[in-house]
Amino acid sequence: MELSIDTSTHFANIALSNEGEPILQLTWHSKHNHTVELTRNITLLMDSSRLTSNQITAIMLAVG
């Protein structure tokens, strides 16, 4: 299970995938609150997918 994180623009995006196949994605508009909003939204994404952090085998980050 992979967690992808992109906070390089005003539209933040996080997603879960399994061996590259998309499972669930969350996108929101964030002016300058990425740090505050990121943890809360990762928790929301994980709860929605009924996965635990122990199931995440890779974290992918967009650099921008």
PDB file of N, CA and C in Angstrom:
ATOM      1  N   MET A   1       0.845  -1.156   0.000  1.00  0.00           N
ATOM      2  CA  MET A   1       0.000   0.000   0.000  1.00  0.00           C
ATOM      3  C   MET A   1       0.903   1.236   0.000  1.00  0.00           C
ATOM      4  N   GLU A   2       0.594   2.186  -0.871  1.00  0.00           N
ATOM      5  CA  GLU A   2       1.400   3.399  -0.970  1.00  0.00           C
ATOM      6  C   GLU A   2       0.552   4.623  -0.628  1.00  0.00           C
ATOM      7  N   LEU A   3       1.186   5.593   0.000  1.00  0.00           N
ATOM      8  CA  LEU A   3       0.568   6.886   0.282  1.00  0.00           C
ATOM      9  C   LEU A   3       1.309   7.927  -0.541  1.00  0.00           C
ATOM     10  N   SER A   4       0.580   8.654  -1.372  1.00  0.00           N
ATOM     11  CA  SER A   4       1.163   9.723  -2.190  1.00  0.00           C
ATOM     12  C   SER A   4       0.713  11.067  -1.629  1.00  0.00           C
ATOM     13  N   ILE A   5       1.658  11.998  -1.572  1.00  0.00           N
ATOM     14  CA  ILE A   5       1.381  13.326  -1.019  1.00  0.00           C
ATOM     15  C   ILE A   5       1.900  14.386  -1.971  1.00  0.00           C
ATOM     16  N   ASP A   6       1.038  15.333  -2.345  1.00  0.00           N
ATOM     17  CA  ASP A   6       1.440  16.459  -3.185  1.00  0.00           C
ATOM     18  C   ASP A   6       0.888  17.728  -2.575  1.00  0.00           C
ATOM     19  N   THR A   7       1.766  18.540  -2.014  1.00  0.00           N
ATOM     20  CA  THR A   7       1.367  19.835  -1.454  1.00  0.00           C
ATOM     21  C   THR A   7       2.147  20.957  -2.132  1.00  0.00           C
ATOM     22  N   SER A   8       2.528  20.734  -3.395  1.00  0.00           N
ATOM     23  CA  SER A   8       3.372  21.699  -4.096  1.00  0.00           C
ATOM     24  C   SER A   8       2.591  22.873  -4.694  1.00  0.00           C
ATOM     25  N   THR A   9       1.249  22.808  -4.680  1.00  0.00           N
ATOM     26  CA  THR A   9       0.437  23.913  -5.189  1.00  0.00           C
ATOM     27  C   THR A   9      -0.665  24.234  -4.173  1.00  0.00           C
ATOM     28  N   HIS A  10      -1.543  25.135  -4.549  1.00  0.00           N
ATOM     29  CA  HIS A  10      -2.676  25.466  -3.674  1.00  0.00           C
ATOM     30  C   HIS A  10      -3.719  24.356  -3.625  1.00  0.00           C
ATOM     31  N   PHE A  11      -3.621  23.397  -4.530  1.00  0.00           N
ATOM     32  CA  PHE A  11      -4.509  22.243  -4.515  1.00  0.00           C
ATOM     33  C   PHE A  11      -3.728  21.051  -3.993  1.00  0.00           C
ATOM     34  N   ALA A  12      -3.903  20.761  -2.717  1.00  0.00           N
ATOM     35  CA  ALA A  12      -3.203  19.640  -2.089  1.00  0.00           C
ATOM     36  C   ALA A  12      -3.891  18.342  -2.482  1.00  0.00           C
ATOM     37  N   ASN A  13      -3.107  17.283  -2.572  1.00  0.00           N
ATOM     38  CA  ASN A  13      -3.643  15.995  -2.989  1.00  0.00           C
ATOM     39  C   ASN A  13      -2.930  14.883  -2.228  1.00  0.00           C
ATOM     40  N   ILE A  14      -3.718  13.955  -1.707  1.00  0.00           N
ATOM     41  CA  ILE A  14      -3.155  12.750  -1.109  1.00  0.00           C
ATOM     42  C   ILE A  14      -3.924  11.571  -1.691  1.00  0.00           C
ATOM     43  N   ALA A  15      -3.243  10.441  -1.819  1.00  0.00           N
ATOM     44  CA  ALA A  15      -3.887   9.280  -2.426  1.00  0.00           C
ATOM     45  C   ALA A  15      -3.309   7.997  -1.858  1.00  0.00           C
ATOM     46  N   LEU A  16      -4.131   6.978  -1.870  1.00  0.00           N
ATOM     47  CA  LEU A  16      -3.697   5.633  -1.506  1.00  0.00           C
ATOM     48  C   LEU A  16      -3.747   4.767  -2.755  1.00  0.00           C
ATOM     49  N   SER A  17      -2.751   3.920  -2.915  1.00  0.00           N
ATOM     50  CA  SER A  17      -2.733   2.980  -4.030  1.00  0.00           C
ATOM     51  C   SER A  17      -2.157   1.663  -3.543  1.00  0.00           C
ATOM     52  N   ASN A  18      -2.436   0.629  -4.309  1.00  0.00           N
ATOM     53  CA  ASN A  18      -1.908  -0.698  -4.017  1.00  0.00           C
ATOM     54  C   ASN A  18      -1.169  -1.178  -5.256  1.00  0.00           C
ATOM     55  N   GLU A  19       0.146  -1.264  -5.154  1.00  0.00           N
ATOM     56  CA  GLU A  19       1.007  -1.622  -6.283  1.00  0.00           C
ATOM     57  C   GLU A  19       0.728  -0.732  -7.484  1.00  0.00           C
ATOM     58  N   GLY A  20       0.532   0.564  -7.218  1.00  0.00           N
ATOM     59  CA  GLY A  20       0.312   1.549  -8.265  1.00  0.00           C
ATOM     60  C   GLY A  20      -1.124   1.706  -8.725  1.00  0.00           C
ATOM     61  N   GLU A  21      -2.013   0.830  -8.293  1.00  0.00           N
ATOM     62  CA  GLU A  21      -3.430   0.930  -8.662  1.00  0.00           C
ATOM     63  C   GLU A  21      -4.148   1.831  -7.665  1.00  0.00           C
ATOM     64  N   PRO A  22      -4.762   2.927  -8.131  1.00  0.00           N
ATOM     65  CA  PRO A  22      -5.440   3.865  -7.226  1.00  0.00           C
ATOM     66  C   PRO A  22      -6.548   3.208  -6.416  1.00  0.00           C
ATOM     67  N   ILE A  23      -6.626   3.585  -5.150  1.00  0.00           N
ATOM     68  CA  ILE A  23      -7.687   3.103  -4.271  1.00  0.00           C
ATOM     69  C   ILE A  23      -8.589   4.259  -3.870  1.00  0.00           C
ATOM     70  N   LEU A  24      -7.980   5.328  -3.360  1.00  0.00           N
ATOM     71  CA  LEU A  24      -8.757   6.450  -2.845  1.00  0.00           C
ATOM     72  C   LEU A  24      -7.896   7.707  -2.921  1.00  0.00           C
ATOM     73  N   GLN A  25      -8.537   8.834  -3.233  1.00  0.00           N
ATOM     74  CA  GLN A  25      -7.811  10.094  -3.377  1.00  0.00           C
ATOM     75  C   GLN A  25      -8.599  11.206  -2.714  1.00  0.00           C
ATOM     76  N   LEU A  26      -7.881  12.179  -2.176  1.00  0.00           N
ATOM     77  CA  LEU A  26      -8.504  13.345  -1.563  1.00  0.00           C
ATOM     78  C   LEU A  26      -7.754  14.584  -2.031  1.00  0.00           C
ATOM     79  N   THR A  27      -8.487  15.552  -2.586  1.00  0.00           N
ATOM     80  CA  THR A  27      -7.915  16.810  -3.051  1.00  0.00           C
ATOM     81  C   THR A  27      -8.677  17.947  -2.393  1.00  0.00           C
ATOM     82  N   TRP A  28      -7.952  18.978  -1.981  1.00  0.00           N
ATOM     83  CA  TRP A  28      -8.607  20.137  -1.383  1.00  0.00           C
ATOM     84  C   TRP A  28      -7.809  21.393  -1.700  1.00  0.00           C
ATOM     85  N   HIS A  29      -8.495  22.538  -1.641  1.00  0.00           N
ATOM     86  CA  HIS A  29      -7.843  23.826  -1.863  1.00  0.00           C
ATOM     87  C   HIS A  29      -7.253  24.293  -0.543  1.00  0.00           C
ATOM     88  N   SER A  30      -5.967  24.598  -0.562  1.00  0.00           N
ATOM     89  CA  SER A  30      -5.274  25.032   0.641  1.00  0.00           C
ATOM     90  C   SER A  30      -4.441  26.256   0.309  1.00  0.00           C
ATOM     91  N   LYS A  31      -4.724  27.350   0.987  1.00  0.00           N
ATOM     92  CA  LYS A  31      -3.956  28.562   0.690  1.00  0.00           C
ATOM     93  C   LYS A  31      -2.546  28.438   1.250  1.00  0.00           C
ATOM     94  N   HIS A  32      -2.383  28.519   2.541  1.00  0.00           N
ATOM     95  CA  HIS A  32      -1.057  28.392   3.155  1.00  0.00           C
ATOM     96  C   HIS A  32      -1.139  27.539   4.414  1.00  0.00           C
ATOM     97  N   ASN A  33      -2.038  26.581   4.412  1.00  0.00           N
ATOM     98  CA  ASN A  33      -2.266  25.763   5.603  1.00  0.00           C
ATOM     99  C   ASN A  33      -1.952  24.293   5.384  1.00  0.00           C
ATOM    100  N   HIS A  34      -1.102  23.979   4.428  1.00  0.00           N
ATOM    101  CA  HIS A  34      -0.817  22.582   4.105  1.00  0.00           C
ATOM    102  C   HIS A  34      -0.409  21.777   5.337  1.00  0.00           C
ATOM    103  N   THR A  35       0.470  22.316   6.134  1.00  0.00           N
ATOM    104  CA  THR A  35       0.969  21.569   7.295  1.00  0.00           C
ATOM    105  C   THR A  35      -0.146  21.260   8.277  1.00  0.00           C
ATOM    106  N   VAL A  36      -1.005  22.223   8.529  1.00  0.00           N
ATOM    107  CA  VAL A  36      -2.103  22.037   9.464  1.00  0.00           C
ATOM    108  C   VAL A  36      -3.114  21.034   8.919  1.00  0.00           C
ATOM    109  N   GLU A  37      -3.402  21.107   7.639  1.00  0.00           N
ATOM    110  CA  GLU A  37      -4.448  20.293   7.031  1.00  0.00           C
ATOM    111  C   GLU A  37      -3.991  18.881   6.657  1.00  0.00           C
ATOM    112  N   LEU A  38      -2.716  18.688   6.433  1.00  0.00           N
ATOM    113  CA  LEU A  38      -2.217  17.419   5.910  1.00  0.00           C
ATOM    114  C   LEU A  38      -2.485  16.246   6.851  1.00  0.00           C
ATOM    115  N   THR A  39      -2.103  16.351   8.095  1.00  0.00           N
ATOM    116  CA  THR A  39      -2.283  15.245   9.038  1.00  0.00           C
ATOM    117  C   THR A  39      -3.752  14.890   9.203  1.00  0.00           C
ATOM    118  N   ARG A  40      -4.582  15.897   9.343  1.00  0.00           N
ATOM    119  CA  ARG A  40      -6.027  15.673   9.495  1.00  0.00           C
ATOM    120  C   ARG A  40      -6.591  14.936   8.275  1.00  0.00           C
ATOM    121  N   ASN A  41      -6.171  15.330   7.087  1.00  0.00           N
ATOM    122  CA  ASN A  41      -6.701  14.719   5.874  1.00  0.00           C
ATOM    123  C   ASN A  41      -6.120  13.328   5.618  1.00  0.00           C
ATOM    124  N   ILE A  42      -4.895  13.082   6.020  1.00  0.00           N
ATOM    125  CA  ILE A  42      -4.358  11.720   5.927  1.00  0.00           C
ATOM    126  C   ILE A  42      -5.158  10.802   6.851  1.00  0.00           C
ATOM    127  N   THR A  43      -5.457  11.275   8.039  1.00  0.00           N
ATOM    128  CA  THR A  43      -6.282  10.487   8.969  1.00  0.00           C
ATOM    129  C   THR A  43      -7.652  10.210   8.364  1.00  0.00           C
ATOM    130  N   LEU A  44      -8.262  11.209   7.758  1.00  0.00           N
ATOM    131  CA  LEU A  44      -9.564  11.041   7.103  1.00  0.00           C
ATOM    132  C   LEU A  44      -9.479  10.008   5.980  1.00  0.00           C
ATOM    133  N   LEU A  45      -8.444  10.095   5.167  1.00  0.00           N
ATOM    134  CA  LEU A  45      -8.253   9.158   4.060  1.00  0.00           C
ATOM    135  C   LEU A  45      -8.071   7.731   4.570  1.00  0.00           C
ATOM    136  N   MET A  46      -7.243   7.577   5.597  1.00  0.00           N
ATOM    137  CA  MET A  46      -6.996   6.248   6.161  1.00  0.00           C
ATOM    138  C   MET A  46      -8.275   5.679   6.779  1.00  0.00           C
ATOM    139  N   ASP A  47      -9.016   6.493   7.511  1.00  0.00           N
ATOM    140  CA  ASP A  47     -10.273   6.040   8.113  1.00  0.00           C
ATOM    141  C   ASP A  47     -11.288   5.646   7.038  1.00  0.00           C
ATOM    142  N   SER A  48     -11.363   6.432   5.968  1.00  0.00           N
ATOM    143  CA  SER A  48     -12.307   6.154   4.886  1.00  0.00           C
ATOM    144  C   SER A  48     -11.986   4.847   4.174  1.00  0.00           C
ATOM    145  N   SER A  49     -10.707   4.525   4.092  1.00  0.00           N
ATOM    146  CA  SER A  49     -10.298   3.302   3.395  1.00  0.00           C
ATOM    147  C   SER A  49     -10.244   2.099   4.332  1.00  0.00           C
ATOM    148  N   ARG A  50     -10.406   2.365   5.627  1.00  0.00           N
ATOM    149  CA  ARG A  50     -10.340   1.314   6.653  1.00  0.00           C
ATOM    150  C   ARG A  50      -8.968   0.627   6.680  1.00  0.00           C
ATOM    151  N   LEU A  51      -7.938   1.409   6.414  1.00  0.00           N
ATOM    152  CA  LEU A  51      -6.569   0.907   6.485  1.00  0.00           C
ATOM    153  C   LEU A  51      -5.885   1.482   7.711  1.00  0.00           C
ATOM    154  N   THR A  52      -4.809   0.846   8.133  1.00  0.00           N
ATOM    155  CA  THR A  52      -4.006   1.361   9.237  1.00  0.00           C
ATOM    156  C   THR A  52      -2.646   1.791   8.703  1.00  0.00           C
ATOM    157  N   SER A  53      -1.970   2.592   9.462  1.00  0.00           N
ATOM    158  CA  SER A  53      -0.651   3.066   9.035  1.00  0.00           C
ATOM    159  C   SER A  53       0.343   1.916   8.873  1.00  0.00           C
ATOM    160  N   ASN A  54       0.132   0.815   9.571  1.00  0.00           N
ATOM    161  CA  ASN A  54       1.014  -0.348   9.435  1.00  0.00           C
ATOM    162  C   ASN A  54       0.941  -0.969   8.046  1.00  0.00           C
ATOM    163  N   GLN A  55      -0.118  -0.706   7.313  1.00  0.00           N
ATOM    164  CA  GLN A  55      -0.282  -1.271   5.979  1.00  0.00           C
ATOM    165  C   GLN A  55       0.408  -0.446   4.896  1.00  0.00           C
ATOM    166  N   ILE A  56       0.866   0.748   5.231  1.00  0.00           N
ATOM    167  CA  ILE A  56       1.575   1.602   4.273  1.00  0.00           C
ATOM    168  C   ILE A  56       3.008   1.103   4.143  1.00  0.00           C
ATOM    169  N   THR A  57       3.397   0.753   2.922  1.00  0.00           N
ATOM    170  CA  THR A  57       4.754   0.241   2.681  1.00  0.00           C
ATOM    171  C   THR A  57       5.652   1.267   2.000  1.00  0.00           C
ATOM    172  N   ALA A  58       5.050   2.334   1.453  1.00  0.00           N
ATOM    173  CA  ALA A  58       5.848   3.363   0.788  1.00  0.00           C
ATOM    174  C   ALA A  58       5.104   4.692   0.862  1.00  0.00           C
ATOM    175  N   ILE A  59       5.881   5.757   0.942  1.00  0.00           N
ATOM    176  CA  ILE A  59       5.325   7.110   0.899  1.00  0.00           C
ATOM    177  C   ILE A  59       6.007   7.832  -0.262  1.00  0.00           C
ATOM    178  N   MET A  60       5.193   8.388  -1.142  1.00  0.00           N
ATOM    179  CA  MET A  60       5.721   9.107  -2.302  1.00  0.00           C
ATOM    180  C   MET A  60       5.352  10.578  -2.173  1.00  0.00           C
ATOM    181  N   LEU A  61       6.337  11.442  -2.389  1.00  0.00           N
ATOM    182  CA  LEU A  61       6.147  12.879  -2.235  1.00  0.00           C
ATOM    183  C   LEU A  61       6.411  13.595  -3.540  1.00  0.00           C
ATOM    184  N   ALA A  62       5.576  14.581  -3.851  1.00  0.00           N
ATOM    185  CA  ALA A  62       5.821  15.448  -4.996  1.00  0.00           C
ATOM    186  C   ALA A  62       6.698  16.600  -4.523  1.00  0.00           C
ATOM    187  N   VAL A  63       7.751  16.855  -5.234  1.00  0.00           N
ATOM    188  CA  VAL A  63       8.647  17.959  -4.901  1.00  0.00           C
ATOM    189  C   VAL A  63       8.393  19.069  -5.903  1.00  0.00           C
ATOM    190  N   GLY A  64       8.104  20.247  -5.377  1.00  0.00           N
ATOM    191  CA  GLY A  64       7.796  21.328  -6.312  1.00  0.00           C
ATOM    192  C   GLY A  64       8.094  22.668  -5.748  1.00  0.00           C
TER     193      GLY A  64
END
